[in-house]
Each structure stands twice: as structure tokens, then as C-alpha cells.
Amino acid sequence: MTNKTHTTAVVLIPPEAVQPPIQAIRRIHDRNFERWMPHITLLYPFAARRDFAEITPALEKAAQQMSAFSVQFARFDAFQHRRSCTMFLVPEPADEIVRLHSVLLEHLSDYDDTARFAGGFHPHLSVGQFQHHSLQTEQQRLQTEWQPIQ
């Protein structure tokens, strides 16, 4: 049985040079601002740190199957939950991120939690949590002020 922990993850992290506008939003709206850097989650929960040496070869094999790619963050969207909403930036195009996720799962199939959502894997970069009644107004405001980043 694979040991999983909620203290590690495989993520894509935007370069620090493009993080300031993302962080400005997250600082105000994201309860996880102090815990996590801006990121797109690929595998979570993931392996315990003590297992990294064993897991690293599989990550390397997955990386070797991929070419470098870039995405643009130009628009916001949101997941609706029962009591709140999570607003996120949409990485476009998402196809290379989805492919990376699939390649990772080919090598690390025990870490498929992010693929088990009703709609499957949905790449996104969370920027905050909002109440249902304020989501539309806040999303429109942020979208109006937002300058796309690559």
C-alpha cells in the first residue's frame, strides 16, 4: 500500500517573476497563502518525504517524456462548493498540463487522487475562497483589473 501524505504534492509553480499579481490576490483572498506558493496541483496527496528517493526515478521518467511548454493566465473561473466557492486562474492551453498529469500517472498510478474528481483532472491555479453571493462581483472585478501573464 502506498503511503500518502497531505504535506507533499507534485505541482507546477509559475516563475517568481510572474507571481506578484497572483500573490496580490491570494494575499487577500486565499486562506492557504502562507501554506502554499501559487501552483497548479498535479498529484496530491503525495509520497512522504522519506520515500522521495524511491519515487524520484518515476518522476524523472515522466519528465523525460515531456517537452517544455508555457501557459497563459488570462481569465478567472470558479468551482462551486456547498458552502463557498474557489476562484482560480485558468491555464491556457491546458492540454500540455493534462498530458503531464497523464504521464505522471503512467509512472505513479497510486497517486491518482486528482484524477478521481467527478469531472476528472481540471488544471487550475487557486487564488481564493469566496462566498456564493460575492463570487460573481469579485470575479468580474478581478477580471477587469487583470493583465494576462505568460
N, C-alpha and C. Protein backbone atom coordinates (compact mmCIF):
# COMPACT_ATOMS: atom_id res chain seq x y z
N MET A 1 0.84 -1.19 0.00
CA MET A 1 0.00 0.00 0.00
C MET A 1 0.88 1.25 0.00
N THR A 2 0.54 2.20 -0.83
CA THR A 2 1.29 3.45 -0.94
C THR A 2 0.98 4.34 0.25
N ASN A 3 2.04 4.87 0.85
CA ASN A 3 1.85 5.84 1.93
C ASN A 3 1.71 7.21 1.32
N LYS A 4 0.60 7.87 1.60
CA LYS A 4 0.35 9.22 1.08
C LYS A 4 0.29 10.19 2.26
N THR A 5 0.69 11.42 1.96
CA THR A 5 0.61 12.46 2.97
C THR A 5 0.05 13.73 2.35
N HIS A 6 -0.59 14.54 3.17
CA HIS A 6 -1.11 15.82 2.72
C HIS A 6 -0.09 16.94 2.91
N THR A 7 1.15 16.58 3.18
CA THR A 7 2.20 17.60 3.36
C THR A 7 3.12 17.70 2.15
N THR A 8 2.91 16.87 1.13
CA THR A 8 3.70 16.97 -0.10
C THR A 8 2.77 16.87 -1.29
N ALA A 9 3.25 17.37 -2.43
CA ALA A 9 2.48 17.35 -3.67
C ALA A 9 3.43 17.50 -4.84
N VAL A 10 2.97 17.12 -6.01
CA VAL A 10 3.67 17.44 -7.25
C VAL A 10 2.88 18.58 -7.88
N VAL A 11 3.55 19.70 -8.09
CA VAL A 11 2.88 20.90 -8.58
C VAL A 11 3.70 21.59 -9.66
N LEU A 12 3.02 22.42 -10.44
CA LEU A 12 3.68 23.35 -11.35
C LEU A 12 3.66 24.71 -10.67
N ILE A 13 4.81 25.35 -10.59
CA ILE A 13 4.92 26.64 -9.94
C ILE A 13 5.28 27.69 -10.98
N PRO A 14 4.49 28.74 -11.11
CA PRO A 14 4.85 29.81 -12.06
C PRO A 14 6.19 30.44 -11.65
N PRO A 15 6.97 30.88 -12.62
CA PRO A 15 8.24 31.55 -12.28
C PRO A 15 8.00 32.73 -11.34
N GLU A 16 8.95 32.96 -10.44
CA GLU A 16 8.80 34.04 -9.46
C GLU A 16 8.54 35.39 -10.12
N ALA A 17 9.08 35.60 -11.30
CA ALA A 17 8.92 36.88 -11.99
C ALA A 17 7.46 37.21 -12.31
N VAL A 18 6.61 36.19 -12.46
CA VAL A 18 5.21 36.45 -12.79
C VAL A 18 4.28 36.27 -11.59
N GLN A 19 4.83 35.96 -10.43
CA GLN A 19 3.99 35.70 -9.26
C GLN A 19 3.38 36.93 -8.58
N PRO A 20 3.99 38.11 -8.61
CA PRO A 20 3.43 39.23 -7.84
C PRO A 20 1.95 39.53 -8.05
N PRO A 21 1.41 39.58 -9.27
CA PRO A 21 -0.03 39.86 -9.37
C PRO A 21 -0.90 38.72 -8.84
N ILE A 22 -0.41 37.49 -8.96
CA ILE A 22 -1.14 36.35 -8.40
C ILE A 22 -1.13 36.45 -6.88
N GLN A 23 0.03 36.72 -6.32
CA GLN A 23 0.17 36.80 -4.87
C GLN A 23 -0.62 37.97 -4.28
N ALA A 24 -0.75 39.04 -5.03
CA ALA A 24 -1.53 40.18 -4.53
C ALA A 24 -2.98 39.77 -4.29
N ILE A 25 -3.51 38.95 -5.17
CA ILE A 25 -4.88 38.45 -5.00
C ILE A 25 -4.93 37.42 -3.87
N ARG A 26 -4.02 36.48 -3.91
CA ARG A 26 -4.01 35.41 -2.91
C ARG A 26 -3.82 35.96 -1.49
N ARG A 27 -2.98 36.96 -1.33
CA ARG A 27 -2.73 37.53 0.00
C ARG A 27 -4.04 37.97 0.66
N ILE A 28 -4.95 38.46 -0.13
CA ILE A 28 -6.24 38.95 0.40
C ILE A 28 -7.27 37.83 0.51
N HIS A 29 -7.32 36.93 -0.45
CA HIS A 29 -8.45 36.01 -0.57
C HIS A 29 -8.17 34.53 -0.29
N ASP A 30 -6.90 34.13 -0.25
CA ASP A 30 -6.60 32.70 -0.15
C ASP A 30 -6.16 32.32 1.26
N ARG A 31 -6.95 31.51 1.92
CA ARG A 31 -6.62 31.08 3.28
C ARG A 31 -5.34 30.23 3.31
N ASN A 32 -4.91 29.73 2.15
CA ASN A 32 -3.70 28.92 2.07
C ASN A 32 -2.48 29.72 1.61
N PHE A 33 -2.58 31.03 1.63
CA PHE A 33 -1.48 31.89 1.17
C PHE A 33 -0.18 31.59 1.88
N GLU A 34 -0.22 31.41 3.18
CA GLU A 34 1.01 31.15 3.94
C GLU A 34 1.50 29.71 3.78
N ARG A 35 0.60 28.79 3.51
CA ARG A 35 0.96 27.37 3.43
C ARG A 35 1.59 26.98 2.10
N TRP A 36 1.03 27.47 1.00
CA TRP A 36 1.46 27.06 -0.33
C TRP A 36 1.81 28.27 -1.18
N MET A 37 2.78 28.10 -2.07
CA MET A 37 3.09 29.09 -3.08
C MET A 37 2.02 28.97 -4.18
N PRO A 38 1.93 29.96 -5.10
CA PRO A 38 0.98 29.78 -6.21
C PRO A 38 1.39 28.54 -7.01
N HIS A 39 0.41 27.73 -7.38
CA HIS A 39 0.74 26.47 -8.04
C HIS A 39 -0.47 25.85 -8.73
N ILE A 40 -0.18 24.93 -9.63
CA ILE A 40 -1.18 24.06 -10.23
C ILE A 40 -0.88 22.66 -9.70
N THR A 41 -1.81 22.09 -8.99
CA THR A 41 -1.61 20.77 -8.40
C THR A 41 -1.74 19.69 -9.46
N LEU A 42 -0.75 18.80 -9.48
CA LEU A 42 -0.78 17.65 -10.38
C LEU A 42 -1.09 16.37 -9.61
N LEU A 43 -0.35 16.10 -8.54
CA LEU A 43 -0.57 14.92 -7.70
C LEU A 43 -0.64 15.34 -6.24
N TYR A 44 -1.75 15.00 -5.58
CA TYR A 44 -1.94 15.33 -4.17
C TYR A 44 -3.10 14.50 -3.64
N PRO A 45 -2.93 13.90 -2.48
CA PRO A 45 -1.74 13.81 -1.64
C PRO A 45 -0.64 13.04 -2.36
N PHE A 46 0.58 13.19 -1.84
CA PHE A 46 1.73 12.57 -2.50
C PHE A 46 2.54 11.78 -1.48
N ALA A 47 3.71 11.34 -1.91
CA ALA A 47 4.58 10.49 -1.10
C ALA A 47 5.17 11.25 0.08
N ALA A 48 5.41 10.54 1.15
CA ALA A 48 6.11 11.12 2.30
C ALA A 48 7.55 11.43 1.89
N ARG A 49 8.13 12.44 2.51
CA ARG A 49 9.50 12.83 2.18
C ARG A 49 10.48 11.66 2.28
N ARG A 50 10.26 10.79 3.24
CA ARG A 50 11.17 9.66 3.43
C ARG A 50 11.17 8.72 2.22
N ASP A 51 10.13 8.81 1.36
CA ASP A 51 10.01 7.95 0.18
C ASP A 51 10.49 8.62 -1.10
N PHE A 52 10.96 9.86 -1.02
CA PHE A 52 11.35 10.60 -2.23
C PHE A 52 12.42 9.89 -3.05
N ALA A 53 13.41 9.31 -2.40
CA ALA A 53 14.48 8.64 -3.15
C ALA A 53 13.91 7.50 -4.00
N GLU A 54 12.92 6.83 -3.48
CA GLU A 54 12.28 5.73 -4.21
C GLU A 54 11.39 6.24 -5.35
N ILE A 55 10.78 7.40 -5.16
CA ILE A 55 9.83 7.97 -6.12
C ILE A 55 10.53 8.76 -7.24
N THR A 56 11.67 9.34 -6.96
CA THR A 56 12.35 10.23 -7.90
C THR A 56 12.58 9.61 -9.28
N PRO A 57 13.00 8.35 -9.41
CA PRO A 57 13.18 7.79 -10.76
C PRO A 57 11.90 7.84 -11.61
N ALA A 58 10.76 7.61 -11.00
CA ALA A 58 9.50 7.66 -11.75
C ALA A 58 9.20 9.09 -12.20
N LEU A 59 9.49 10.07 -11.35
CA LEU A 59 9.31 11.47 -11.74
C LEU A 59 10.25 11.84 -12.89
N GLU A 60 11.47 11.37 -12.81
CA GLU A 60 12.44 11.64 -13.88
C GLU A 60 11.99 11.03 -15.21
N LYS A 61 11.49 9.82 -15.18
CA LYS A 61 11.00 9.17 -16.40
C LYS A 61 9.83 9.96 -17.00
N ALA A 62 8.92 10.41 -16.15
CA ALA A 62 7.80 11.21 -16.64
C ALA A 62 8.30 12.51 -17.26
N ALA A 63 9.23 13.17 -16.61
CA ALA A 63 9.76 14.44 -17.12
C ALA A 63 10.43 14.24 -18.47
N GLN A 64 11.11 13.13 -18.66
CA GLN A 64 11.79 12.85 -19.93
C GLN A 64 10.82 12.68 -21.09
N GLN A 65 9.58 12.37 -20.80
CA GLN A 65 8.57 12.21 -21.84
C GLN A 65 7.92 13.52 -22.26
N MET A 66 8.25 14.59 -21.57
CA MET A 66 7.61 15.88 -21.82
C MET A 66 8.61 16.87 -22.44
N SER A 67 8.08 17.78 -23.22
CA SER A 67 8.86 18.91 -23.72
C SER A 67 8.42 20.13 -22.92
N ALA A 68 9.28 21.13 -22.92
CA ALA A 68 8.94 22.37 -22.23
C ALA A 68 7.69 22.98 -22.86
N PHE A 69 6.88 23.62 -22.05
CA PHE A 69 5.68 24.31 -22.56
C PHE A 69 5.41 25.52 -21.69
N SER A 70 4.60 26.41 -22.20
CA SER A 70 4.20 27.57 -21.39
C SER A 70 2.68 27.70 -21.47
N VAL A 71 2.15 28.39 -20.50
CA VAL A 71 0.72 28.64 -20.45
C VAL A 71 0.49 30.12 -20.18
N GLN A 72 -0.71 30.55 -20.47
CA GLN A 72 -1.10 31.92 -20.17
C GLN A 72 -2.22 31.87 -19.14
N PHE A 73 -2.18 32.82 -18.21
CA PHE A 73 -3.27 33.00 -17.26
C PHE A 73 -3.97 34.30 -17.64
N ALA A 74 -5.11 34.17 -18.32
CA ALA A 74 -5.81 35.36 -18.81
C ALA A 74 -7.20 35.51 -18.22
N ARG A 75 -7.75 34.42 -17.69
CA ARG A 75 -9.13 34.52 -17.20
C ARG A 75 -9.33 33.73 -15.91
N PHE A 76 -10.37 34.15 -15.20
CA PHE A 76 -10.75 33.54 -13.93
C PHE A 76 -11.97 32.65 -14.14
N ASP A 77 -12.07 31.64 -13.30
CA ASP A 77 -13.25 30.79 -13.25
C ASP A 77 -13.40 30.37 -11.79
N ALA A 78 -14.38 29.53 -11.50
CA ALA A 78 -14.59 29.14 -10.11
C ALA A 78 -15.23 27.77 -10.01
N PHE A 79 -14.89 27.10 -8.93
CA PHE A 79 -15.56 25.87 -8.53
C PHE A 79 -16.60 26.25 -7.49
N GLN A 80 -17.80 25.74 -7.63
CA GLN A 80 -18.85 25.98 -6.65
C GLN A 80 -18.86 24.82 -5.67
N HIS A 81 -18.75 25.12 -4.40
CA HIS A 81 -18.85 24.10 -3.36
C HIS A 81 -20.16 24.32 -2.61
N ARG A 82 -20.42 23.47 -1.69
CA ARG A 82 -21.68 23.58 -0.95
C ARG A 82 -21.80 24.90 -0.21
N ARG A 83 -20.76 25.29 0.52
CA ARG A 83 -20.84 26.50 1.36
C ARG A 83 -20.01 27.67 0.87
N SER A 84 -19.15 27.43 -0.12
CA SER A 84 -18.30 28.51 -0.62
C SER A 84 -17.90 28.21 -2.06
N CYS A 85 -17.02 29.04 -2.60
CA CYS A 85 -16.52 28.88 -3.95
C CYS A 85 -15.01 29.07 -3.93
N THR A 86 -14.32 28.42 -4.85
CA THR A 86 -12.90 28.62 -5.02
C THR A 86 -12.70 29.26 -6.39
N MET A 87 -12.14 30.48 -6.39
CA MET A 87 -11.84 31.13 -7.66
C MET A 87 -10.42 30.76 -8.07
N PHE A 88 -10.23 30.63 -9.38
CA PHE A 88 -8.91 30.23 -9.88
C PHE A 88 -8.63 30.89 -11.21
N LEU A 89 -7.33 30.94 -11.52
CA LEU A 89 -6.88 31.33 -12.84
C LEU A 89 -6.84 30.09 -13.72
N VAL A 90 -7.29 30.22 -14.95
CA VAL A 90 -7.34 29.11 -15.89
C VAL A 90 -6.06 29.10 -16.72
N PRO A 91 -5.27 28.02 -16.64
CA PRO A 91 -4.08 27.93 -17.50
C PRO A 91 -4.50 27.54 -18.92
N GLU A 92 -4.08 28.36 -19.89
CA GLU A 92 -4.46 28.09 -21.27
C GLU A 92 -3.23 28.10 -22.17
N PRO A 93 -3.09 27.16 -23.07
CA PRO A 93 -3.95 25.99 -23.19
C PRO A 93 -3.63 24.99 -22.08
N ALA A 94 -4.61 24.20 -21.73
CA ALA A 94 -4.44 23.24 -20.63
C ALA A 94 -3.97 21.87 -21.11
N ASP A 95 -3.94 21.65 -22.41
CA ASP A 95 -3.68 20.30 -22.91
C ASP A 95 -2.32 19.73 -22.50
N GLU A 96 -1.27 20.55 -22.45
CA GLU A 96 0.03 20.03 -22.04
C GLU A 96 0.06 19.69 -20.55
N ILE A 97 -0.66 20.45 -19.75
CA ILE A 97 -0.74 20.14 -18.31
C ILE A 97 -1.51 18.84 -18.11
N VAL A 98 -2.58 18.67 -18.85
CA VAL A 98 -3.36 17.43 -18.78
C VAL A 98 -2.49 16.25 -19.23
N ARG A 99 -1.71 16.46 -20.27
CA ARG A 99 -0.80 15.40 -20.74
C ARG A 99 0.24 15.08 -19.68
N LEU A 100 0.84 16.11 -19.06
CA LEU A 100 1.81 15.89 -17.99
C LEU A 100 1.19 15.08 -16.86
N HIS A 101 -0.01 15.43 -16.48
CA HIS A 101 -0.73 14.70 -15.43
C HIS A 101 -0.88 13.23 -15.81
N SER A 102 -1.27 12.97 -17.05
CA SER A 102 -1.43 11.59 -17.52
C SER A 102 -0.11 10.83 -17.51
N VAL A 103 0.94 11.49 -17.95
CA VAL A 103 2.26 10.85 -17.97
C VAL A 103 2.71 10.54 -16.54
N LEU A 104 2.50 11.46 -15.63
CA LEU A 104 2.84 11.20 -14.23
C LEU A 104 2.08 9.99 -13.70
N LEU A 105 0.81 9.89 -14.04
CA LEU A 105 0.02 8.75 -13.57
C LEU A 105 0.44 7.43 -14.19
N GLU A 106 1.01 7.48 -15.41
CA GLU A 106 1.54 6.25 -16.01
C GLU A 106 2.66 5.68 -15.15
N HIS A 107 3.41 6.56 -14.50
CA HIS A 107 4.57 6.13 -13.71
C HIS A 107 4.27 6.04 -12.22
N LEU A 108 3.22 6.74 -11.78
CA LEU A 108 2.89 6.80 -10.35
C LEU A 108 1.38 6.62 -10.16
N SER A 109 0.87 5.51 -10.62
CA SER A 109 -0.58 5.29 -10.66
C SER A 109 -1.24 5.28 -9.29
N ASP A 110 -0.49 5.06 -8.23
CA ASP A 110 -1.08 5.06 -6.89
C ASP A 110 -1.48 6.46 -6.42
N TYR A 111 -1.01 7.48 -7.10
CA TYR A 111 -1.26 8.87 -6.68
C TYR A 111 -2.31 9.52 -7.59
N ASP A 112 -3.39 8.83 -7.83
CA ASP A 112 -4.41 9.27 -8.80
C ASP A 112 -5.55 10.09 -8.20
N ASP A 113 -5.40 10.57 -6.98
CA ASP A 113 -6.49 11.29 -6.31
C ASP A 113 -7.02 12.47 -7.13
N THR A 114 -6.12 13.21 -7.79
CA THR A 114 -6.56 14.38 -8.56
C THR A 114 -7.30 14.00 -9.83
N ALA A 115 -7.25 12.75 -10.21
CA ALA A 115 -7.98 12.28 -11.39
C ALA A 115 -9.35 11.74 -11.03
N ARG A 116 -9.65 11.62 -9.74
CA ARG A 116 -10.89 10.98 -9.31
C ARG A 116 -12.06 11.93 -9.08
N PHE A 117 -11.87 13.21 -9.38
CA PHE A 117 -12.99 14.14 -9.24
C PHE A 117 -14.04 13.83 -10.31
N ALA A 118 -15.27 14.20 -10.05
CA ALA A 118 -16.37 13.88 -10.97
C ALA A 118 -16.05 14.32 -12.40
N GLY A 119 -15.46 15.48 -12.58
CA GLY A 119 -15.13 15.97 -13.91
C GLY A 119 -13.74 15.59 -14.36
N GLY A 120 -13.05 14.75 -13.60
CA GLY A 120 -11.68 14.38 -13.92
C GLY A 120 -10.70 15.45 -13.48
N PHE A 121 -9.48 15.35 -13.95
CA PHE A 121 -8.43 16.31 -13.62
C PHE A 121 -8.73 17.64 -14.31
N HIS A 122 -8.69 18.72 -13.56
CA HIS A 122 -9.02 20.06 -14.07
C HIS A 122 -7.92 21.02 -13.63
N PRO A 123 -6.91 21.28 -14.48
CA PRO A 123 -5.81 22.16 -14.05
C PRO A 123 -6.30 23.57 -13.75
N HIS A 124 -5.81 24.11 -12.64
CA HIS A 124 -6.22 25.45 -12.21
C HIS A 124 -5.21 25.96 -11.19
N LEU A 125 -5.16 27.27 -11.03
CA LEU A 125 -4.32 27.90 -10.03
C LEU A 125 -5.24 28.70 -9.11
N SER A 126 -5.49 28.19 -7.93
CA SER A 126 -6.42 28.81 -6.99
C SER A 126 -5.91 30.17 -6.52
N VAL A 127 -6.83 31.13 -6.46
CA VAL A 127 -6.47 32.46 -5.96
C VAL A 127 -7.27 32.86 -4.72
N GLY A 128 -8.30 32.08 -4.36
CA GLY A 128 -9.01 32.42 -3.15
C GLY A 128 -10.35 31.74 -3.00
N GLN A 129 -10.88 31.91 -1.81
CA GLN A 129 -12.19 31.35 -1.47
C GLN A 129 -13.17 32.51 -1.30
N PHE A 130 -14.39 32.30 -1.79
CA PHE A 130 -15.39 33.35 -1.80
C PHE A 130 -16.74 32.77 -1.41
N GLN A 131 -17.61 33.62 -0.93
CA GLN A 131 -18.98 33.22 -0.66
C GLN A 131 -19.77 33.27 -1.97
N HIS A 132 -20.79 32.46 -2.08
CA HIS A 132 -21.59 32.40 -3.30
C HIS A 132 -22.11 33.78 -3.69
N HIS A 133 -22.61 34.53 -2.71
CA HIS A 133 -23.23 35.82 -3.02
C HIS A 133 -22.26 36.87 -3.54
N SER A 134 -20.96 36.72 -3.28
CA SER A 134 -19.99 37.72 -3.73
C SER A 134 -19.15 37.25 -4.91
N LEU A 135 -19.27 36.00 -5.29
CA LEU A 135 -18.39 35.43 -6.31
C LEU A 135 -18.46 36.19 -7.63
N GLN A 136 -19.64 36.37 -8.16
CA GLN A 136 -19.76 36.99 -9.49
C GLN A 136 -19.18 38.40 -9.50
N THR A 137 -19.50 39.18 -8.50
CA THR A 137 -18.99 40.55 -8.42
C THR A 137 -17.47 40.57 -8.32
N GLU A 138 -16.92 39.72 -7.45
CA GLU A 138 -15.46 39.67 -7.27
C GLU A 138 -14.77 39.14 -8.52
N GLN A 139 -15.36 38.16 -9.16
CA GLN A 139 -14.76 37.61 -10.37
C GLN A 139 -14.73 38.66 -11.48
N GLN A 140 -15.81 39.40 -11.63
CA GLN A 140 -15.85 40.46 -12.65
C GLN A 140 -14.83 41.55 -12.33
N ARG A 141 -14.73 41.92 -11.06
CA ARG A 141 -13.78 42.97 -10.66
C ARG A 141 -12.35 42.53 -10.94
N LEU A 142 -12.00 41.32 -10.52
CA LEU A 142 -10.64 40.82 -10.75
C LEU A 142 -10.34 40.68 -12.24
N GLN A 143 -11.31 40.20 -13.00
CA GLN A 143 -11.10 40.03 -14.44
C GLN A 143 -10.86 41.38 -15.12
N THR A 144 -11.58 42.39 -14.71
CA THR A 144 -11.42 43.73 -15.29
C THR A 144 -10.04 44.30 -14.99
N GLU A 145 -9.53 44.05 -13.81
CA GLU A 145 -8.24 44.58 -13.38
C GLU A 145 -7.05 43.74 -13.86
N TRP A 146 -7.29 42.51 -14.26
CA TRP A 146 -6.23 41.54 -14.54
C TRP A 146 -5.51 41.82 -15.87
N GLN A 147 -4.21 41.72 -15.85
CA GLN A 147 -3.38 41.74 -17.06
C GLN A 147 -2.85 40.32 -17.26
N PRO A 148 -3.14 39.69 -18.40
CA PRO A 148 -2.70 38.31 -18.62
C PRO A 148 -1.19 38.15 -18.44
N ILE A 149 -0.81 36.99 -17.93
CA ILE A 149 0.61 36.67 -17.75
C ILE A 149 0.92 35.36 -18.44
N GLN A 150 2.14 35.20 -18.90
CA GLN A 150 2.59 34.02 -19.62
C GLN A 150 3.52 33.23 -18.72
